[in-house]
Amino acid sequence: MDTIKFFVQLFYIYLLVGIVFALVFVWRGIAKIDDSAKGISWKTRLFLFPGSAALWPFLLQKSVQAARQRAASAKNPGQKPFLNNID
């Protein structure tokens, strides 16, 4: 029975972290990953909230990668983005 309680508590922690992440991500972070998400309505943000809460580890990884790519492009402003370098 203790094992079940442990996994239920682990799920609640995952869910809590996901909700906090989704609030920040849907409010500010989504536009940093996808340029077409700038200016989306609150209804669309509300629609994206549950998926962001559930998939927060993947979106966090994508956010970190996007931040690193922006930092690298700030150092080398003439450099093309990674995917456009393939000729």
Protein backbone atom coordinates (compact mmCIF):
# COMPACT_ATOMS: atom_id res chain seq x y z
CA MET A 1 0.00 0.00 0.00
CA ASP A 2 2.89 2.36 0.64
CA THR A 3 4.09 1.86 -2.92
CA ILE A 4 0.73 2.96 -4.27
CA LYS A 5 0.75 6.06 -2.06
CA PHE A 6 4.26 6.86 -3.27
CA PHE A 7 3.25 6.73 -6.92
CA VAL A 8 0.08 8.74 -6.29
CA GLN A 9 2.14 11.41 -4.52
CA LEU A 10 4.67 11.34 -7.35
CA PHE A 11 1.82 11.89 -9.81
CA TYR A 12 0.51 14.84 -7.76
CA ILE A 13 3.97 16.41 -7.73
CA TYR A 14 4.25 15.92 -11.51
CA LEU A 15 0.81 17.48 -11.94
CA LEU A 16 1.60 20.44 -9.67
CA VAL A 17 4.86 21.18 -11.47
CA GLY A 18 3.02 20.81 -14.77
CA ILE A 19 0.32 23.30 -13.79
CA VAL A 20 2.87 25.87 -12.64
CA PHE A 21 4.93 25.37 -15.79
CA ALA A 22 1.86 25.56 -18.03
CA LEU A 23 0.75 28.85 -16.48
CA VAL A 24 4.11 30.44 -17.22
CA PHE A 25 4.57 28.72 -20.57
CA VAL A 26 1.15 29.57 -21.99
CA TRP A 27 1.38 33.14 -20.68
CA ARG A 28 4.92 33.98 -21.86
CA GLY A 29 6.95 31.05 -23.13
CA ILE A 30 4.99 29.76 -26.08
CA ALA A 31 5.84 32.79 -28.22
CA LYS A 32 9.54 32.18 -27.60
CA ILE A 33 9.32 28.71 -29.12
CA ASP A 34 6.93 29.44 -31.98
CA ASP A 35 6.81 32.85 -33.65
CA SER A 36 3.32 32.23 -34.99
CA ALA A 37 2.03 32.00 -31.40
CA LYS A 38 2.59 35.71 -30.81
CA GLY A 39 -0.68 37.50 -30.26
CA ILE A 40 -2.88 34.43 -29.82
CA SER A 41 -6.11 34.93 -27.92
CA TRP A 42 -6.75 33.91 -24.33
CA LYS A 43 -9.15 31.24 -25.60
CA THR A 44 -6.38 29.59 -27.57
CA ARG A 45 -4.05 29.83 -24.58
CA LEU A 46 -6.73 28.19 -22.45
CA PHE A 47 -7.02 25.42 -25.03
CA LEU A 48 -3.23 24.84 -24.93
CA PHE A 49 -3.05 24.79 -21.13
CA PRO A 50 -3.92 21.09 -20.44
CA GLY A 51 -1.48 19.77 -23.01
CA SER A 52 1.25 22.04 -21.69
CA ALA A 53 0.63 20.82 -18.16
CA ALA A 54 0.77 17.19 -19.21
CA LEU A 55 3.78 17.47 -21.53
CA TRP A 56 5.80 19.95 -19.48
CA PRO A 57 9.12 18.01 -19.53
CA PHE A 58 9.22 18.04 -23.33
CA LEU A 59 8.18 21.68 -23.57
CA LEU A 60 10.75 22.65 -20.95
CA GLN A 61 13.46 20.94 -22.98
CA LYS A 62 12.26 22.72 -26.13
CA SER A 63 12.24 26.06 -24.31
CA VAL A 64 15.81 25.55 -23.12
CA GLN A 65 16.92 24.64 -26.64
CA ALA A 66 15.20 27.73 -28.06
CA ALA A 67 16.89 29.94 -25.47
CA ARG A 68 20.28 28.47 -26.30
CA GLN A 69 19.67 28.98 -30.00
CA ARG A 70 18.68 32.62 -29.42
CA ALA A 71 21.82 33.16 -27.33
CA ALA A 72 23.97 31.61 -30.05
CA SER A 73 22.36 33.73 -32.75
CA ALA A 74 22.90 36.85 -30.62
CA LYS A 75 26.62 36.07 -30.56
CA ASN A 76 26.73 35.52 -34.34
CA PRO A 77 24.01 37.72 -35.88
CA GLY A 78 24.91 36.79 -39.47
CA GLN A 79 24.61 33.05 -38.85
CA LYS A 80 21.54 31.29 -40.21
CA PRO A 81 19.36 29.21 -37.86
CA PHE A 82 20.40 25.59 -37.51
CA LEU A 83 17.80 24.06 -39.82
CA ASN A 84 18.45 26.62 -42.53
CA ASN A 85 22.19 25.83 -42.57
CA ILE A 86 21.56 22.62 -44.48
CA ASP A 87 22.14 23.39 -48.15
